[in-house]
PDB file of all heavy atoms in Angstrom:
ATOM      1  N   PRO A   1      -1.702 -10.767   6.241  1.00  0.00           N
ATOM      2  CA  PRO A   1      -1.932 -12.190   5.973  1.00  0.00           C
ATOM      3  C   PRO A   1      -3.389 -12.620   6.017  1.00  0.00           C
ATOM      4  O   PRO A   1      -3.695 -13.767   5.691  1.00  0.00           O
ATOM      5  CB  PRO A   1      -1.130 -12.867   7.099  1.00  0.00           C
ATOM      6  CG  PRO A   1      -1.142 -11.870   8.220  1.00  0.00           C
ATOM      7  CD  PRO A   1      -1.101 -10.530   7.557  1.00  0.00           C
ATOM      8  N   ALA A   2      -4.314 -11.738   6.421  1.00  0.00           N
ATOM      9  CA  ALA A   2      -5.725 -12.114   6.494  1.00  0.00           C
ATOM     10  C   ALA A   2      -6.272 -12.424   5.105  1.00  0.00           C
ATOM     11  O   ALA A   2      -5.766 -11.948   4.086  1.00  0.00           O
ATOM     12  CB  ALA A   2      -6.525 -10.994   7.141  1.00  0.00           C
ATOM     13  N   LEU A   3      -7.332 -13.220   5.060  1.00  0.00           N
ATOM     14  CA  LEU A   3      -7.910 -13.618   3.774  1.00  0.00           C
ATOM     15  C   LEU A   3      -8.688 -12.479   3.139  1.00  0.00           C
ATOM     16  O   LEU A   3      -8.724 -12.342   1.914  1.00  0.00           O
ATOM     17  CB  LEU A   3      -8.834 -14.830   3.974  1.00  0.00           C
ATOM     18  CG  LEU A   3      -8.142 -16.123   4.417  1.00  0.00           C
ATOM     19  CD1 LEU A   3      -9.175 -17.218   4.660  1.00  0.00           C
ATOM     20  CD2 LEU A   3      -7.137 -16.564   3.371  1.00  0.00           C
ATOM     21  N   GLU A   4      -9.336 -11.632   3.953  1.00  0.00           N
ATOM     22  CA  GLU A   4     -10.140 -10.537   3.418  1.00  0.00           C
ATOM     23  C   GLU A   4      -9.238  -9.373   3.039  1.00  0.00           C
ATOM     24  O   GLU A   4      -8.388  -8.942   3.815  1.00  0.00           O
ATOM     25  CB  GLU A   4     -11.156 -10.085   4.465  1.00  0.00           C
ATOM     26  CG  GLU A   4     -12.108  -9.006   3.950  1.00  0.00           C
ATOM     27  CD  GLU A   4     -13.073  -8.561   5.036  1.00  0.00           C
ATOM     28  OE1 GLU A   4     -12.931  -9.030   6.178  1.00  0.00           O
ATOM     29  OE2 GLU A   4     -13.952  -7.739   4.736  1.00  0.00           O
ATOM     30  N   ALA A   5      -9.399  -8.858   1.819  1.00  0.00           N
ATOM     31  CA  ALA A   5      -8.561  -7.757   1.341  1.00  0.00           C
ATOM     32  C   ALA A   5      -8.735  -6.528   2.220  1.00  0.00           C
ATOM     33  O   ALA A   5      -9.844  -6.188   2.634  1.00  0.00           O
ATOM     34  CB  ALA A   5      -8.903  -7.427  -0.102  1.00  0.00           C
ATOM     35  N   ALA A   6      -7.647  -5.850   2.478  1.00  0.00           N
ATOM     36  CA  ALA A   6      -7.649  -4.661   3.332  1.00  0.00           C
ATOM     37  C   ALA A   6      -7.523  -3.400   2.503  1.00  0.00           C
ATOM     38  O   ALA A   6      -7.246  -3.441   1.299  1.00  0.00           O
ATOM     39  CB  ALA A   6      -6.503  -4.732   4.338  1.00  0.00           C
ATOM     40  N   ILE A   7      -7.723  -2.268   3.163  1.00  0.00           N
ATOM     41  CA  ILE A   7      -7.479  -0.970   2.552  1.00  0.00           C
ATOM     42  C   ILE A   7      -6.341  -0.293   3.313  1.00  0.00           C
ATOM     43  O   ILE A   7      -6.344  -0.242   4.548  1.00  0.00           O
ATOM     44  CB  ILE A   7      -8.755  -0.090   2.557  1.00  0.00           C
ATOM     45  CG1 ILE A   7      -8.469   1.255   1.890  1.00  0.00           C
ATOM     46  CG2 ILE A   7      -9.292   0.108   3.961  1.00  0.00           C
ATOM     47  CD1 ILE A   7      -9.730   2.057   1.641  1.00  0.00           C
ATOM     48  N   MET A   8      -5.321   0.173   2.589  1.00  0.00           N
ATOM     49  CA  MET A   8      -4.189   0.856   3.198  1.00  0.00           C
ATOM     50  C   MET A   8      -4.525   2.328   3.417  1.00  0.00           C
ATOM     51  O   MET A   8      -4.965   3.012   2.484  1.00  0.00           O
ATOM     52  CB  MET A   8      -2.950   0.755   2.303  1.00  0.00           C
ATOM     53  CG  MET A   8      -2.382  -0.637   2.178  1.00  0.00           C
ATOM     54  SD  MET A   8      -1.456  -1.087   3.656  1.00  0.00           S
ATOM     55  CE  MET A   8      -0.604  -2.565   3.063  1.00  0.00           C
ATOM     56  N   ILE A   9      -4.298   2.812   4.628  1.00  0.00           N
ATOM     57  CA  ILE A   9      -4.469   4.227   4.953  1.00  0.00           C
ATOM     58  C   ILE A   9      -3.097   4.738   5.376  1.00  0.00           C
ATOM     59  O   ILE A   9      -2.532   4.269   6.372  1.00  0.00           O
ATOM     60  CB  ILE A   9      -5.506   4.432   6.064  1.00  0.00           C
ATOM     61  CG1 ILE A   9      -6.876   3.958   5.589  1.00  0.00           C
ATOM     62  CG2 ILE A   9      -5.555   5.886   6.505  1.00  0.00           C
ATOM     63  CD1 ILE A   9      -7.952   4.014   6.656  1.00  0.00           C
ATOM     64  N   GLY A  10      -2.534   5.661   4.622  1.00  0.00           N
ATOM     65  CA  GLY A  10      -1.154   6.055   4.831  1.00  0.00           C
ATOM     66  C   GLY A  10      -0.980   7.466   5.354  1.00  0.00           C
ATOM     67  O   GLY A  10      -1.696   8.385   4.942  1.00  0.00           O
ATOM     68  N   THR A  11      -0.019   7.633   6.257  1.00  0.00           N
ATOM     69  CA  THR A  11       0.358   8.967   6.721  1.00  0.00           C
ATOM     70  C   THR A  11       1.687   9.394   6.094  1.00  0.00           C
ATOM     71  O   THR A  11       2.215  10.449   6.434  1.00  0.00           O
ATOM     72  CB  THR A  11       0.523   8.997   8.259  1.00  0.00           C
ATOM     73  OG1 THR A  11       1.674   8.231   8.629  1.00  0.00           O
ATOM     74  CG2 THR A  11      -0.697   8.428   8.949  1.00  0.00           C
ATOM     75  N   VAL A  12       2.225   8.578   5.199  1.00  0.00           N
ATOM     76  CA  VAL A  12       3.528   8.858   4.590  1.00  0.00           C
ATOM     77  C   VAL A  12       3.328   9.196   3.110  1.00  0.00           C
ATOM     78  O   VAL A  12       2.369   8.734   2.483  1.00  0.00           O
ATOM     79  CB  VAL A  12       4.472   7.650   4.736  1.00  0.00           C
ATOM     80  CG1 VAL A  12       4.798   7.432   6.198  1.00  0.00           C
ATOM     81  CG2 VAL A  12       3.876   6.391   4.141  1.00  0.00           C
ATOM     82  N   PRO A  13       4.197  10.011   2.517  1.00  0.00           N
ATOM     83  CA  PRO A  13       3.994  10.432   1.126  1.00  0.00           C
ATOM     84  C   PRO A  13       4.353   9.315   0.145  1.00  0.00           C
ATOM     85  O   PRO A  13       5.263   8.517   0.393  1.00  0.00           O
ATOM     86  CB  PRO A  13       4.954  11.617   0.978  1.00  0.00           C
ATOM     87  CG  PRO A  13       6.025  11.365   1.984  1.00  0.00           C
ATOM     88  CD  PRO A  13       5.356  10.696   3.141  1.00  0.00           C
ATOM     89  N   PRO A  14       3.683   9.260  -1.001  1.00  0.00           N
ATOM     90  CA  PRO A  14       3.945   8.202  -1.981  1.00  0.00           C
ATOM     91  C   PRO A  14       5.264   8.351  -2.710  1.00  0.00           C
ATOM     92  O   PRO A  14       5.710   7.408  -3.356  1.00  0.00           O
ATOM     93  CB  PRO A  14       2.761   8.319  -2.944  1.00  0.00           C
ATOM     94  CG  PRO A  14       2.320   9.750  -2.841  1.00  0.00           C
ATOM     95  CD  PRO A  14       2.566  10.136  -1.418  1.00  0.00           C
ATOM     96  N   TYR A  15       5.891   9.537  -2.631  1.00  0.00           N
ATOM     97  CA  TYR A  15       7.168   9.714  -3.323  1.00  0.00           C
ATOM     98  C   TYR A  15       8.356   9.307  -2.447  1.00  0.00           C
ATOM     99  O   TYR A  15       9.497   9.409  -2.868  1.00  0.00           O
ATOM    100  CB  TYR A  15       7.344  11.157  -3.816  1.00  0.00           C
ATOM    101  CG  TYR A  15       6.976  12.220  -2.820  1.00  0.00           C
ATOM    102  CD1 TYR A  15       7.792  12.514  -1.739  1.00  0.00           C
ATOM    103  CD2 TYR A  15       5.800  12.946  -2.964  1.00  0.00           C
ATOM    104  CE1 TYR A  15       7.456  13.482  -0.824  1.00  0.00           C
ATOM    105  CE2 TYR A  15       5.447  13.933  -2.057  1.00  0.00           C
ATOM    106  CZ  TYR A  15       6.276  14.192  -0.987  1.00  0.00           C
ATOM    107  OH  TYR A  15       5.933  15.156  -0.082  1.00  0.00           O
ATOM    108  N   HIS A  16       8.119   8.854  -1.226  1.00  0.00           N
ATOM    109  CA  HIS A  16       9.147   8.217  -0.416  1.00  0.00           C
ATOM    110  C   HIS A  16       9.056   6.707  -0.644  1.00  0.00           C
ATOM    111  O   HIS A  16       7.975   6.163  -0.841  1.00  0.00           O
ATOM    112  CB  HIS A  16       8.928   8.548   1.064  1.00  0.00           C
ATOM    113  CG  HIS A  16      10.024   8.058   1.964  1.00  0.00           C
ATOM    114  ND1 HIS A  16      10.064   6.767   2.434  1.00  0.00           N
ATOM    115  CD2 HIS A  16      11.116   8.679   2.473  1.00  0.00           C
ATOM    116  CE1 HIS A  16      11.136   6.610   3.191  1.00  0.00           C
ATOM    117  NE2 HIS A  16      11.784   7.754   3.229  1.00  0.00           N
ATOM    118  N   MET A  17      10.184   6.002  -0.610  1.00  0.00           N
ATOM    119  CA  MET A  17      10.185   4.580  -0.950  1.00  0.00           C
ATOM    120  C   MET A  17       9.211   3.784  -0.099  1.00  0.00           C
ATOM    121  O   MET A  17       8.550   2.869  -0.591  1.00  0.00           O
ATOM    122  CB  MET A  17      11.613   4.019  -0.801  1.00  0.00           C
ATOM    123  CG  MET A  17      11.794   2.638  -1.396  1.00  0.00           C
ATOM    124  SD  MET A  17      11.584   2.661  -3.201  1.00  0.00           S
ATOM    125  CE  MET A  17      11.353   0.910  -3.523  1.00  0.00           C
ATOM    126  N   TYR A  18       9.075   4.115   1.162  1.00  0.00           N
ATOM    127  CA  TYR A  18       8.151   3.435   2.069  1.00  0.00           C
ATOM    128  C   TYR A  18       6.715   3.583   1.588  1.00  0.00           C
ATOM    129  O   TYR A  18       5.981   2.603   1.428  1.00  0.00           O
ATOM    130  CB  TYR A  18       8.347   4.010   3.470  1.00  0.00           C
ATOM    131  CG  TYR A  18       7.421   3.532   4.552  1.00  0.00           C
ATOM    132  CD1 TYR A  18       6.869   2.255   4.549  1.00  0.00           C
ATOM    133  CD2 TYR A  18       7.115   4.373   5.632  1.00  0.00           C
ATOM    134  CE1 TYR A  18       6.031   1.834   5.573  1.00  0.00           C
ATOM    135  CE2 TYR A  18       6.297   3.962   6.662  1.00  0.00           C
ATOM    136  CZ  TYR A  18       5.747   2.699   6.629  1.00  0.00           C
ATOM    137  OH  TYR A  18       4.922   2.280   7.652  1.00  0.00           O
ATOM    138  N   GLY A  19       6.295   4.822   1.316  1.00  0.00           N
ATOM    139  CA  GLY A  19       4.939   5.041   0.817  1.00  0.00           C
ATOM    140  C   GLY A  19       4.745   4.503  -0.586  1.00  0.00           C
ATOM    141  O   GLY A  19       3.661   4.005  -0.934  1.00  0.00           O
ATOM    142  N   PHE A  20       5.764   4.599  -1.417  1.00  0.00           N
ATOM    143  CA  PHE A  20       5.699   4.100  -2.800  1.00  0.00           C
ATOM    144  C   PHE A  20       5.385   2.602  -2.815  1.00  0.00           C
ATOM    145  O   PHE A  20       4.516   2.132  -3.547  1.00  0.00           O
ATOM    146  CB  PHE A  20       7.027   4.391  -3.484  1.00  0.00           C
ATOM    147  CG  PHE A  20       7.094   4.018  -4.941  1.00  0.00           C
ATOM    148  CD1 PHE A  20       6.093   4.386  -5.830  1.00  0.00           C
ATOM    149  CD2 PHE A  20       8.182   3.300  -5.428  1.00  0.00           C
ATOM    150  CE1 PHE A  20       6.167   4.047  -7.178  1.00  0.00           C
ATOM    151  CE2 PHE A  20       8.266   2.964  -6.768  1.00  0.00           C
ATOM    152  CZ  PHE A  20       7.256   3.332  -7.645  1.00  0.00           C
ATOM    153  N   GLU A  21       6.079   1.847  -1.970  1.00  0.00           N
ATOM    154  CA  GLU A  21       5.875   0.399  -1.947  1.00  0.00           C
ATOM    155  C   GLU A  21       4.526   0.009  -1.352  1.00  0.00           C
ATOM    156  O   GLU A  21       3.872  -0.904  -1.859  1.00  0.00           O
ATOM    157  CB  GLU A  21       6.987  -0.274  -1.132  1.00  0.00           C
ATOM    158  CG  GLU A  21       8.314  -0.364  -1.838  1.00  0.00           C
ATOM    159  CD  GLU A  21       9.270  -1.302  -1.130  1.00  0.00           C
ATOM    160  OE1 GLU A  21       9.518  -1.096   0.067  1.00  0.00           O
ATOM    161  OE2 GLU A  21       9.754  -2.239  -1.773  1.00  0.00           O
ATOM    162  N   THR A  22       4.118   0.673  -0.261  1.00  0.00           N
ATOM    163  CA  THR A  22       2.920   0.234   0.457  1.00  0.00           C
ATOM    164  C   THR A  22       1.627   0.815  -0.104  1.00  0.00           C
ATOM    165  O   THR A  22       0.622   0.107  -0.222  1.00  0.00           O
ATOM    166  CB  THR A  22       3.036   0.612   1.943  1.00  0.00           C
ATOM    167  OG1 THR A  22       3.331   2.013   2.057  1.00  0.00           O
ATOM    168  CG2 THR A  22       4.130  -0.192   2.627  1.00  0.00           C
ATOM    169  N   LEU A  23       1.634   2.101  -0.463  1.00  0.00           N
ATOM    170  CA  LEU A  23       0.389   2.771  -0.861  1.00  0.00           C
ATOM    171  C   LEU A  23       0.150   2.730  -2.367  1.00  0.00           C
ATOM    172  O   LEU A  23      -1.002   2.812  -2.807  1.00  0.00           O
ATOM    173  CB  LEU A  23       0.410   4.226  -0.391  1.00  0.00           C
ATOM    174  CG  LEU A  23       0.649   4.445   1.105  1.00  0.00           C
ATOM    175  CD1 LEU A  23       0.696   5.933   1.424  1.00  0.00           C
ATOM    176  CD2 LEU A  23      -0.413   3.744   1.926  1.00  0.00           C
ATOM    177  N   VAL A  24       1.213   2.635  -3.158  1.00  0.00           N
ATOM    178  CA  VAL A  24       1.072   2.667  -4.614  1.00  0.00           C
ATOM    179  C   VAL A  24       1.224   1.269  -5.210  1.00  0.00           C
ATOM    180  O   VAL A  24       0.309   0.748  -5.862  1.00  0.00           O
ATOM    181  CB  VAL A  24       2.101   3.637  -5.240  1.00  0.00           C
ATOM    182  CG1 VAL A  24       2.006   3.607  -6.761  1.00  0.00           C
ATOM    183  CG2 VAL A  24       1.868   5.049  -4.724  1.00  0.00           C
ATOM    184  N   LEU A  25       2.358   0.630  -4.980  1.00  0.00           N
ATOM    185  CA  LEU A  25       2.633  -0.645  -5.639  1.00  0.00           C
ATOM    186  C   LEU A  25       1.764  -1.769  -5.109  1.00  0.00           C
ATOM    187  O   LEU A  25       1.342  -2.648  -5.883  1.00  0.00           O
ATOM    188  CB  LEU A  25       4.115  -0.997  -5.486  1.00  0.00           C
ATOM    189  CG  LEU A  25       5.080   0.001  -6.128  1.00  0.00           C
ATOM    190  CD1 LEU A  25       6.519  -0.454  -5.951  1.00  0.00           C
ATOM    191  CD2 LEU A  25       4.771   0.189  -7.614  1.00  0.00           C
ATOM    192  N   GLN A  26       1.464  -1.784  -3.808  1.00  0.00           N
ATOM    193  CA  GLN A  26       0.568  -2.823  -3.298  1.00  0.00           C
ATOM    194  C   GLN A  26      -0.815  -2.722  -3.947  1.00  0.00           C
ATOM    195  O   GLN A  26      -1.440  -3.732  -4.274  1.00  0.00           O
ATOM    196  CB  GLN A  26       0.432  -2.712  -1.772  1.00  0.00           C
ATOM    197  CG  GLN A  26       1.601  -3.268  -0.989  1.00  0.00           C
ATOM    198  CD  GLN A  26       1.678  -4.782  -1.036  1.00  0.00           C
ATOM    199  OE1 GLN A  26       0.684  -5.477  -1.187  1.00  0.00           O
ATOM    200  NE2 GLN A  26       2.887  -5.312  -0.922  1.00  0.00           N
ATOM    201  N   ALA A  27      -1.283  -1.486  -4.167  1.00  0.00           N
ATOM    202  CA  ALA A  27      -2.589  -1.308  -4.805  1.00  0.00           C
ATOM    203  C   ALA A  27      -2.585  -1.809  -6.248  1.00  0.00           C
ATOM    204  O   ALA A  27      -3.573  -2.369  -6.728  1.00  0.00           O
ATOM    205  CB  ALA A  27      -3.006   0.165  -4.760  1.00  0.00           C
ATOM    206  N   LEU A  28      -1.470  -1.620  -6.949  1.00  0.00           N
ATOM    207  CA  LEU A  28      -1.389  -2.036  -8.350  1.00  0.00           C
ATOM    208  C   LEU A  28      -1.147  -3.532  -8.501  1.00  0.00           C
ATOM    209  O   LEU A  28      -1.669  -4.163  -9.425  1.00  0.00           O
ATOM    210  CB  LEU A  28      -0.270  -1.272  -9.062  1.00  0.00           C
ATOM    211  CG  LEU A  28      -0.432   0.247  -9.187  1.00  0.00           C
ATOM    212  CD1 LEU A  28       0.795   0.850  -9.855  1.00  0.00           C
ATOM    213  CD2 LEU A  28      -1.694   0.594  -9.966  1.00  0.00           C
ATOM    214  N   HIS A  29      -0.364  -4.114  -7.598  1.00  0.00           N
ATOM    215  CA  HIS A  29       0.126  -5.480  -7.802  1.00  0.00           C
ATOM    216  C   HIS A  29      -0.631  -6.556  -7.040  1.00  0.00           C
ATOM    217  O   HIS A  29      -0.535  -7.729  -7.390  1.00  0.00           O
ATOM    218  CB  HIS A  29       1.599  -5.564  -7.383  1.00  0.00           C
ATOM    219  CG  HIS A  29       2.502  -4.679  -8.179  1.00  0.00           C
ATOM    220  ND1 HIS A  29       3.730  -4.226  -7.696  1.00  0.00           N
ATOM    221  CD2 HIS A  29       2.373  -4.142  -9.413  1.00  0.00           C
ATOM    222  CE1 HIS A  29       4.300  -3.463  -8.607  1.00  0.00           C
ATOM    223  NE2 HIS A  29       3.499  -3.392  -9.643  1.00  0.00           N
ATOM    224  N   THR A  30      -1.358  -6.186  -5.968  1.00  0.00           N
ATOM    225  CA  THR A  30      -1.988  -7.198  -5.120  1.00  0.00           C
ATOM    226  C   THR A  30      -3.454  -6.854  -4.900  1.00  0.00           C
ATOM    227  O   THR A  30      -3.988  -5.913  -5.486  1.00  0.00           O
ATOM    228  CB  THR A  30      -1.273  -7.307  -3.761  1.00  0.00           C
ATOM    229  OG1 THR A  30      -1.614  -6.173  -2.946  1.00  0.00           O
ATOM    230  CG2 THR A  30       0.244  -7.357  -3.932  1.00  0.00           C
ATOM    231  N   ARG A  31      -4.097  -7.601  -4.010  1.00  0.00           N
ATOM    232  CA  ARG A  31      -5.524  -7.416  -3.740  1.00  0.00           C
ATOM    233  C   ARG A  31      -5.808  -6.215  -2.843  1.00  0.00           C
ATOM    234  O   ARG A  31      -6.970  -5.842  -2.654  1.00  0.00           O
ATOM    235  CB  ARG A  31      -6.070  -8.663  -3.059  1.00  0.00           C
ATOM    236  CG  ARG A  31      -5.335  -9.008  -1.767  1.00  0.00           C
ATOM    237  CD  ARG A  31      -5.940 -10.242  -1.097  1.00  0.00           C
ATOM    238  NE  ARG A  31      -5.116 -10.753  -0.018  1.00  0.00           N
ATOM    239  CZ  ARG A  31      -4.990 -10.201   1.179  1.00  0.00           C
ATOM    240  NH1 ARG A  31      -5.621  -9.075   1.446  1.00  0.00           N
ATOM    241  NH2 ARG A  31      -4.238 -10.757   2.099  1.00  0.00           N
TER     242      ARG A  31
END
């Protein structure tokens, strides 16, 4: 919720739904 854009650092793989949503789709769809 912070105003300054963050960088996601993930320990989960992008081909799992959790990593897919947070590490891939957030990067494409949001700030």
